[in-house]
């Protein structure tokens, strides 16, 4: 997009934290954004506030916590990019109330996670963790006992979204039967079958893999009672969210032999940096694979995420488009040649659009196109004008319930 913007792109300050992929930096530069601050690690407290104090766009991964207090210290901030799947590290409601659109990459690393699920399932059913530890200690555990092929086994997928459905496809290619449980009806891929309840799935699956979001109804989803309902000798994999599984109960089931093995990639409390100590009740169990939240951490995934999120941020900054936002009304906007575009973010209360239209009528400004969408507490109006909208912008900024008003071009 080469259209000139009212606020030059080279003056828009983009701050990227946590070693966001180089593809993001390259995407911003190609679009004309040259004022880039790129930092390799996460920040917190006063350092974070100082780093984003004059930022217009901020990009983070999973460690940086953008709380309401932090957002309040960044008055110029108009958009946040979460270069990952999850957005629980961002106060989405606080961001929306300040007119800050948040974007993420819900699909770019799904293949990486799905491949790790299958790899860990193979390792657990073959007893690789035990045998590897023994070999490192000089022991030779050549045995077929409790060692199984994936073929012919049943995998139970809890959460049949973008990752769960990819696991389903890969699992079938290994000759597995696939069952899944989701809170809503989902169209099955291949020969997979949706079950009516989580308990039913737990009773029939040889492998249970979790792919659910962090939400009140998924907190402690696999509690002690449900872990007891797992098919004896099953393996459990959690590459979703750390608060989904009761790790103490899982540890007890692993020690008793009720559960053959487990792979856990996410934890209730995770170290903020690679230098901090990691503690888990599953440490020391040889039939457990513990990984440091790396399900989506492949170079391919990070490259894809860098492009996807940076492009969404640029589309919003350049055009006002909000498709893919997790906290903002979504608008896919056409381009009217020769028109001037005005963005108005406001509280979603009755009468605002009428006031906006009254102001534009009194200003004698002809509207080429007008687009409105609401979401929760936020309303978003985009107007394409025949004439320059400077005066209209000033009037709208003084309108009650206005959160943010931006003239794009």
Protein backbone atom coordinates (compact mmCIF):
# COMPACT_ATOMS: atom_id res chain seq x y z
CA UNK A 1 0.00 0.00 0.00
CA UNK A 2 1.73 3.16 -1.26
CA UNK A 3 -1.07 5.57 -0.43
CA UNK A 4 0.22 8.51 1.64
CA UNK A 5 -1.03 8.56 5.23
CA UNK A 6 -1.78 11.60 7.34
CA UNK A 7 0.83 10.49 9.85
CA UNK A 8 3.96 9.40 7.93
CA UNK A 9 4.85 5.73 8.37
CA UNK A 10 8.48 6.57 9.07
CA UNK A 11 7.35 8.42 12.21
CA UNK A 12 5.22 5.58 13.56
CA UNK A 13 7.22 3.96 16.35
CA UNK A 14 7.07 0.17 16.32
CA UNK A 15 8.49 -1.67 19.37
CA UNK A 16 9.07 -5.42 19.01
CA UNK A 17 10.02 -7.41 22.12
CA UNK A 18 10.99 -11.00 22.91
CA UNK A 19 12.97 -11.71 19.78
CA UNK A 20 10.07 -11.48 17.36
CA UNK A 21 11.08 -13.11 14.07
CA UNK A 22 13.10 -11.15 11.52
CA UNK A 23 10.27 -11.67 9.03
CA UNK A 24 8.20 -9.22 11.08
CA UNK A 25 10.93 -6.60 10.91
CA UNK A 26 11.32 -7.15 7.17
CA UNK A 27 7.54 -6.88 6.64
CA UNK A 28 7.38 -3.56 8.49
CA UNK A 29 10.36 -2.16 6.59
CA UNK A 30 8.92 -3.14 3.20
CA UNK A 31 5.72 -1.29 4.14
CA UNK A 32 7.67 1.89 4.92
CA UNK A 33 7.94 1.59 8.72
CA UNK A 34 11.53 2.48 9.56
CA UNK A 35 11.26 3.66 13.18
CA UNK A 36 11.71 0.21 14.71
CA UNK A 37 12.94 -0.75 18.17
CA UNK A 38 13.73 -4.47 18.32
CA UNK A 39 14.62 -6.11 21.63
CA UNK A 40 15.52 -9.76 22.17
CA UNK A 41 13.98 -10.32 25.59
CA UNK A 42 10.83 -9.69 27.58
CA UNK A 43 10.52 -6.60 29.76
CA UNK A 44 8.52 -5.85 32.87
CA UNK A 45 7.90 -3.05 35.36
CA UNK A 46 9.55 0.29 34.77
CA UNK A 47 11.67 -1.05 31.89
CA UNK A 48 8.57 -2.11 29.97
CA UNK A 49 6.80 1.19 30.61
CA UNK A 50 9.83 3.15 29.42
CA UNK A 51 10.23 1.01 26.29
CA UNK A 52 6.66 1.53 25.05
CA UNK A 53 5.98 5.02 26.41
CA UNK A 54 5.94 6.63 22.95
CA UNK A 55 5.16 3.51 20.89
CA UNK A 56 2.32 3.46 18.37
CA UNK A 57 2.56 -0.28 17.75
CA UNK A 58 3.91 -2.94 20.13
CA UNK A 59 4.72 -6.54 19.29
CA UNK A 60 5.25 -9.19 21.97
CA UNK A 61 5.19 -12.95 22.42
CA UNK A 62 3.98 -14.81 25.51
CA UNK A 63 6.12 -13.46 28.36
CA UNK A 64 5.56 -9.72 28.32
CA UNK A 65 2.52 -8.78 30.42
CA UNK A 66 0.56 -5.84 29.04
CA UNK A 67 -1.68 -5.00 31.97
CA UNK A 68 -4.15 -2.15 32.23
CA UNK A 69 -1.55 -0.16 34.19
CA UNK A 70 1.11 -0.69 31.52
CA UNK A 71 -1.30 0.27 28.72
CA UNK A 72 -2.26 3.45 30.58
CA UNK A 73 1.40 4.50 30.43
CA UNK A 74 1.45 4.28 26.60
CA UNK A 75 -0.89 7.07 25.42
CA UNK A 76 0.12 6.83 21.74
CA UNK A 77 -0.42 3.09 21.49
CA UNK A 78 -2.98 2.16 18.82
CA UNK A 79 -2.28 -1.52 18.15
CA UNK A 80 -0.69 -4.58 19.76
CA UNK A 81 0.54 -7.68 17.98
CA UNK A 82 0.79 -10.96 19.90
CA UNK A 83 3.28 -12.94 17.81
CA UNK A 84 1.87 -16.21 19.11
CA UNK A 85 -1.50 -17.93 19.53
CA UNK A 86 -2.48 -16.92 23.06
CA UNK A 87 -3.43 -13.42 24.19
CA UNK A 88 -3.93 -14.01 27.92
CA UNK A 89 -0.77 -11.93 28.56
CA UNK A 90 -2.69 -8.85 27.36
CA UNK A 91 -5.57 -7.17 29.16
CA UNK A 92 -7.85 -7.23 26.12
CA UNK A 93 -10.71 -5.33 27.75
CA UNK A 94 -8.42 -2.56 28.94
CA UNK A 95 -6.88 -2.34 25.48
CA UNK A 96 -10.32 -2.07 23.84
CA UNK A 97 -11.40 0.64 26.26
CA UNK A 98 -8.34 2.65 25.22
CA UNK A 99 -9.05 2.11 21.51
CA UNK A 100 -6.12 -0.29 21.07
CA UNK A 101 -6.72 -3.14 18.61
CA UNK A 102 -5.01 -6.46 19.40
CA UNK A 103 -4.03 -9.03 16.77
CA UNK A 104 -2.52 -12.50 17.07
CA UNK A 105 -1.57 -15.49 14.92
CA UNK A 106 -4.06 -18.25 15.73
CA UNK A 107 -3.07 -20.52 12.85
CA UNK A 108 0.58 -20.00 11.88
CA UNK A 109 2.14 -22.51 14.29
CA UNK A 110 -0.60 -25.14 14.32
CA UNK A 111 1.40 -27.55 12.20
CA UNK A 112 4.39 -27.32 14.55
CA UNK A 113 2.25 -28.18 17.56
CA UNK A 114 0.47 -31.00 15.76
CA UNK A 115 3.75 -32.59 14.68
CA UNK A 116 5.10 -32.49 18.25
CA UNK A 117 1.93 -34.20 19.53
CA UNK A 118 2.44 -37.12 17.15
CA UNK A 119 6.17 -37.31 17.90
CA UNK A 120 5.57 -37.40 21.64
CA UNK A 121 2.81 -39.99 21.27
CA UNK A 122 5.27 -42.28 19.46
CA UNK A 123 7.92 -41.75 22.12
CA UNK A 124 5.55 -42.43 25.01
CA UNK A 125 4.00 -45.56 23.50
CA UNK A 126 7.48 -46.92 22.79
CA UNK A 127 8.80 -46.02 26.25
CA UNK A 128 11.56 -43.89 24.75
CA UNK A 129 12.00 -41.56 27.76
CA UNK A 130 12.74 -44.51 30.09
CA UNK A 131 15.04 -46.22 27.58
CA UNK A 132 16.91 -43.02 26.75
CA UNK A 133 17.59 -42.19 30.41
CA UNK A 134 18.76 -45.76 31.02
CA UNK A 135 21.10 -45.70 28.02
CA UNK A 136 22.64 -42.44 29.24
CA UNK A 137 23.28 -44.21 32.55
CA UNK A 138 24.95 -47.19 30.86
CA UNK A 139 21.95 -49.52 31.13
CA UNK A 140 20.49 -51.60 28.29
CA UNK A 141 16.67 -51.85 28.37
CA UNK A 142 15.98 -53.83 25.19
CA UNK A 143 12.39 -55.01 25.65
CA UNK A 144 9.04 -54.93 23.86
CA UNK A 145 7.06 -54.84 27.11
CA UNK A 146 4.68 -51.84 27.21
CA UNK A 147 5.95 -50.80 23.77
CA UNK A 148 3.29 -50.24 21.13
CA UNK A 149 2.70 -48.95 17.62
CA UNK A 150 0.41 -46.01 16.96
CA UNK A 151 -1.35 -47.99 14.26
CA UNK A 152 -4.60 -49.41 15.53
CA UNK A 153 -4.66 -47.21 18.62
CA UNK A 154 -7.35 -44.63 19.42
CA UNK A 155 -6.40 -41.01 19.93
CA UNK A 156 -8.83 -38.75 21.75
CA UNK A 157 -8.56 -35.06 20.90
CA UNK A 158 -10.04 -32.61 23.40
CA UNK A 159 -10.71 -29.40 21.48
CA UNK A 160 -11.17 -29.85 17.74
CA UNK A 161 -9.97 -26.46 16.58
CA UNK A 162 -7.13 -25.53 14.25
CA UNK A 163 -4.53 -27.62 16.10
CA UNK A 164 -6.81 -30.48 17.13
CA UNK A 165 -8.07 -30.97 13.60
CA UNK A 166 -4.51 -31.07 12.22
CA UNK A 167 -3.59 -33.67 14.83
CA UNK A 168 -6.61 -35.61 13.60
CA UNK A 169 -5.35 -35.66 10.01
CA UNK A 170 -1.81 -36.68 10.99
CA UNK A 171 -3.07 -39.37 13.36
CA UNK A 172 -5.19 -40.99 10.67
CA UNK A 173 -2.16 -41.13 8.39
CA UNK A 174 -0.50 -43.27 11.07
CA UNK A 175 -3.43 -45.66 11.00
CA UNK A 176 -5.05 -44.45 14.21
CA UNK A 177 -8.73 -44.21 15.02
CA UNK A 178 -9.65 -40.63 15.93
CA UNK A 179 -12.34 -39.49 18.35
CA UNK A 180 -12.75 -35.97 19.61
CA UNK A 181 -14.73 -33.89 22.06
CA UNK A 182 -15.59 -30.23 21.65
CA UNK A 183 -18.12 -28.03 23.40
CA UNK A 184 -19.72 -27.24 20.05
CA UNK A 185 -20.50 -29.46 17.08
CA UNK A 186 -17.56 -29.58 14.67
CA UNK A 187 -17.46 -31.10 11.21
CA UNK A 188 -15.17 -34.16 11.37
CA UNK A 189 -12.19 -34.49 9.06
CA UNK A 190 -11.50 -37.87 7.49
CA UNK A 191 -12.96 -40.72 9.52
CA UNK A 192 -12.80 -38.97 12.89
CA UNK A 193 -15.84 -39.10 15.16
CA UNK A 194 -17.16 -36.55 17.62
CA UNK A 195 -18.17 -37.96 21.01
CA UNK A 196 -20.93 -36.57 23.19
CA UNK A 197 -18.91 -36.10 26.38
CA UNK A 198 -15.38 -35.72 27.67
CA UNK A 199 -15.86 -38.65 30.03
CA UNK A 200 -16.76 -40.90 27.09
CA UNK A 201 -13.56 -39.90 25.31
CA UNK A 202 -11.41 -40.51 28.39
CA UNK A 203 -12.77 -44.04 28.67
CA UNK A 204 -11.91 -45.16 25.13
CA UNK A 205 -8.76 -43.26 24.08
CA UNK A 206 -5.28 -44.79 24.28
CA UNK A 207 -3.84 -41.32 23.78
CA UNK A 208 -5.52 -38.17 25.06
CA UNK A 209 -4.27 -34.85 23.75
CA UNK A 210 -5.56 -31.47 24.95
CA UNK A 211 -6.06 -28.46 22.68
CA UNK A 212 -8.36 -26.09 24.53
CA UNK A 213 -8.11 -22.35 25.24
CA UNK A 214 -7.58 -20.81 28.64
CA UNK A 215 -11.04 -20.09 29.99
CA UNK A 216 -13.00 -20.53 33.23
CA UNK A 217 -14.53 -23.79 31.99
CA UNK A 218 -11.13 -25.28 31.05
CA UNK A 219 -9.44 -24.45 34.35
CA UNK A 220 -8.51 -27.79 35.96
CA UNK A 221 -10.41 -29.56 33.19
CA UNK A 222 -8.40 -32.74 33.79
CA UNK A 223 -8.77 -32.83 37.57
CA UNK A 224 -8.13 -35.81 39.82
CA UNK A 225 -11.58 -37.31 39.19
CA UNK A 226 -11.24 -37.11 35.42
CA UNK A 227 -7.67 -38.42 35.44
CA UNK A 228 -9.04 -41.51 37.18
CA UNK A 229 -11.42 -41.99 34.24
CA UNK A 230 -8.57 -42.31 31.75
CA UNK A 231 -8.33 -45.71 30.13
CA UNK A 232 -5.75 -47.74 32.07
CA UNK A 233 -2.39 -47.56 30.32
CA UNK A 234 -3.30 -44.45 28.36
CA UNK A 235 -0.94 -41.55 27.77
CA UNK A 236 -1.84 -37.90 28.26
CA UNK A 237 -0.46 -34.92 26.35
CA UNK A 238 -1.04 -31.27 27.22
CA UNK A 239 0.18 -28.68 24.73
CA UNK A 240 -2.66 -26.23 25.37
CA UNK A 241 -2.63 -24.22 28.60
CA UNK A 242 -0.90 -24.83 31.90
CA UNK A 243 -3.95 -24.63 34.14
CA UNK A 244 -5.89 -27.33 32.29
CA UNK A 245 -4.38 -30.34 34.12
CA UNK A 246 -4.01 -31.09 37.83
CA UNK A 247 -0.32 -31.97 37.75
CA UNK A 248 -0.26 -33.38 41.28
CA UNK A 249 -3.05 -35.82 40.42
CA UNK A 250 -1.37 -36.67 37.13
CA UNK A 251 1.89 -37.39 38.94
CA UNK A 252 0.13 -39.78 41.30
CA UNK A 253 -1.51 -41.62 38.39
CA UNK A 254 1.84 -41.93 36.62
CA UNK A 255 3.55 -43.30 39.72
CA UNK A 256 0.80 -45.88 40.26
CA UNK A 257 0.95 -47.06 36.66
CA UNK A 258 -2.65 -46.11 35.92
CA UNK A 259 -1.31 -43.70 33.28
CA UNK A 260 1.47 -45.10 31.09
CA UNK A 261 3.13 -41.77 30.31
CA UNK A 262 2.63 -38.08 29.80
CA UNK A 263 4.00 -35.18 27.79
CA UNK A 264 3.52 -31.66 29.16
CA UNK A 265 4.60 -28.50 27.37
CA UNK A 266 2.68 -25.87 29.38
CA UNK A 267 2.55 -25.22 33.11
CA UNK A 268 0.55 -23.18 35.64
CA UNK A 269 3.65 -21.15 36.49
CA UNK A 270 6.40 -20.79 33.92
CA UNK A 271 9.81 -19.11 34.29
CA UNK A 272 9.91 -15.58 32.88
CA UNK A 273 13.37 -16.09 31.38
CA UNK A 274 15.63 -19.01 30.46
CA UNK A 275 17.78 -18.15 33.47
CA UNK A 276 14.98 -18.68 36.01
CA UNK A 277 14.48 -22.02 37.72
CA UNK A 278 11.69 -24.32 36.54
CA UNK A 279 9.79 -26.39 39.13
CA UNK A 280 7.12 -29.04 38.48
CA UNK A 281 5.68 -31.97 40.45
CA UNK A 282 6.35 -34.14 37.38
CA UNK A 283 10.12 -33.69 37.53
CA UNK A 284 12.04 -36.91 38.09
CA UNK A 285 9.41 -39.18 36.52
CA UNK A 286 11.09 -41.11 33.72
CA UNK A 287 7.84 -41.77 31.84
CA UNK A 288 7.18 -38.03 31.42
CA UNK A 289 8.38 -35.73 28.66
CA UNK A 290 8.69 -32.15 29.91
CA UNK A 291 9.27 -29.39 27.38
CA UNK A 292 9.56 -25.61 27.98
CA UNK A 293 6.45 -24.33 26.13
CA UNK A 294 7.94 -25.05 22.70
CA UNK A 295 4.95 -26.58 20.95
CA UNK A 296 4.88 -23.81 18.35
CA UNK A 297 8.55 -22.91 18.58
CA UNK A 298 9.94 -23.87 15.21
CA UNK A 299 11.75 -21.58 12.82
CA UNK A 300 9.06 -22.18 10.22
CA UNK A 301 6.26 -21.24 12.61
CA UNK A 302 8.03 -18.13 13.85
CA UNK A 303 8.66 -16.97 10.28
CA UNK A 304 4.99 -17.44 9.43
CA UNK A 305 3.86 -15.71 12.61
CA UNK A 306 6.16 -12.76 11.95
CA UNK A 307 4.60 -12.16 8.54
CA UNK A 308 0.99 -12.81 9.60
CA UNK A 309 0.90 -10.53 12.64
CA UNK A 310 3.00 -7.76 11.12
CA UNK A 311 0.72 -7.72 8.08
CA UNK A 312 -2.39 -7.43 10.28
CA UNK A 313 -0.84 -4.52 12.17
CA UNK A 314 0.12 -2.78 8.94
CA UNK A 315 -3.34 -3.31 7.47
CA UNK A 316 -4.83 -1.66 10.55
CA UNK A 317 -2.33 1.18 10.64
CA UNK A 318 -2.53 1.89 6.89
CA UNK A 319 -6.15 1.09 6.10
CA UNK A 320 -8.09 0.72 9.35
CA UNK A 321 -8.85 -2.94 8.61
CA UNK A 322 -9.44 -5.03 11.74
CA UNK A 323 -9.95 -8.55 10.39
CA UNK A 324 -8.32 -10.94 12.85
CA UNK A 325 -8.52 -8.64 15.86
CA UNK A 326 -9.29 -10.45 19.11
CA UNK A 327 -10.78 -7.47 20.95
CA UNK A 328 -12.08 -5.09 18.27
CA UNK A 329 -15.03 -5.08 15.87
CA UNK A 330 -13.88 -6.70 12.63
CA UNK A 331 -14.14 -4.70 9.42
CA UNK A 332 -12.77 -5.59 5.99
CA UNK A 333 -12.71 -2.30 4.13
CA UNK A 334 -12.66 -1.49 0.41
CA UNK A 335 -10.63 1.36 -1.05
CA UNK A 336 -12.30 4.37 -2.65
CA UNK A 337 -9.86 6.19 -4.89
CA UNK A 338 -9.57 9.87 -4.04
CA UNK A 339 -11.44 9.51 -0.74
CA UNK A 340 -10.19 10.48 2.71
CA UNK A 341 -10.60 7.89 5.48
CA UNK A 342 -11.56 8.67 9.08
CA UNK A 343 -11.60 6.06 11.87
CA UNK A 344 -13.80 6.59 14.92
CA UNK A 345 -13.62 4.29 17.95
CA UNK A 346 -16.30 4.89 20.56
CA UNK A 347 -18.21 3.40 23.46
CA UNK A 348 -20.94 1.09 22.23
CA UNK A 349 -23.95 3.06 23.50
CA UNK A 350 -27.14 4.08 21.68
CA UNK A 351 -27.09 7.32 19.70
CA UNK A 352 -23.39 7.59 18.85
CA UNK A 353 -23.83 6.91 15.13
CA UNK A 354 -26.64 9.47 14.98
CA UNK A 355 -24.34 12.05 16.57
CA UNK A 356 -21.54 11.17 14.14
CA UNK A 357 -23.89 11.60 11.18
CA UNK A 358 -25.23 14.88 12.55
CA UNK A 359 -21.71 16.26 12.88
CA UNK A 360 -20.77 15.25 9.35
CA UNK A 361 -24.00 16.72 7.96
CA UNK A 362 -23.40 20.02 9.76
CA UNK A 363 -19.86 20.05 8.38
CA UNK A 364 -21.30 19.61 4.88
CA UNK A 365 -19.00 16.64 4.26
CA UNK A 366 -20.15 14.07 1.72
CA UNK A 367 -19.69 10.45 2.79
CA UNK A 368 -18.55 8.10 0.00
CA UNK A 369 -18.77 5.06 2.26
CA UNK A 370 -19.55 4.39 5.90
CA UNK A 371 -18.95 1.16 7.80
CA UNK A 372 -20.00 0.32 11.36
CA UNK A 373 -19.37 -2.71 13.52
CA UNK A 374 -19.69 -3.20 17.28
CA UNK A 375 -18.20 -5.69 19.69
CA UNK A 376 -18.88 -5.69 23.39
CA UNK A 377 -18.23 -2.24 24.79
CA UNK A 378 -16.67 -0.91 21.57
CA UNK A 379 -18.10 0.56 18.40
CA UNK A 380 -16.00 1.20 15.30
CA UNK A 381 -17.06 3.52 12.48
CA UNK A 382 -15.00 4.04 9.33
CA UNK A 383 -15.96 6.89 7.00
CA UNK A 384 -14.62 7.56 3.53
CA UNK A 385 -15.04 11.26 2.72
CA UNK A 386 -14.98 13.26 -0.51
CA UNK A 387 -13.15 16.15 1.16
CA UNK A 388 -10.41 16.39 3.76
CA UNK A 389 -11.69 15.38 7.17
CA UNK A 390 -9.56 17.59 9.43
CA UNK A 391 -12.47 19.68 10.71
CA UNK A 392 -14.71 16.64 11.08
CA UNK A 393 -12.00 14.86 13.05
CA UNK A 394 -11.76 17.79 15.49
CA UNK A 395 -15.51 17.72 16.04
CA UNK A 396 -15.59 13.96 16.55
CA UNK A 397 -12.74 14.09 19.07
CA UNK A 398 -14.93 16.32 21.23
CA UNK A 399 -17.95 14.05 20.88
CA UNK A 400 -19.11 12.31 24.07
CA UNK A 401 -18.21 8.60 24.07
CA UNK A 402 -15.34 9.06 21.59
CA UNK A 403 -12.34 6.90 22.53
CA UNK A 404 -10.10 7.57 19.55
CA UNK A 405 -10.45 9.28 16.18
CA UNK A 406 -7.79 8.96 13.52
CA UNK A 407 -7.52 10.50 10.06
CA UNK A 408 -5.69 8.02 7.84
CA UNK A 409 -5.36 9.77 4.49
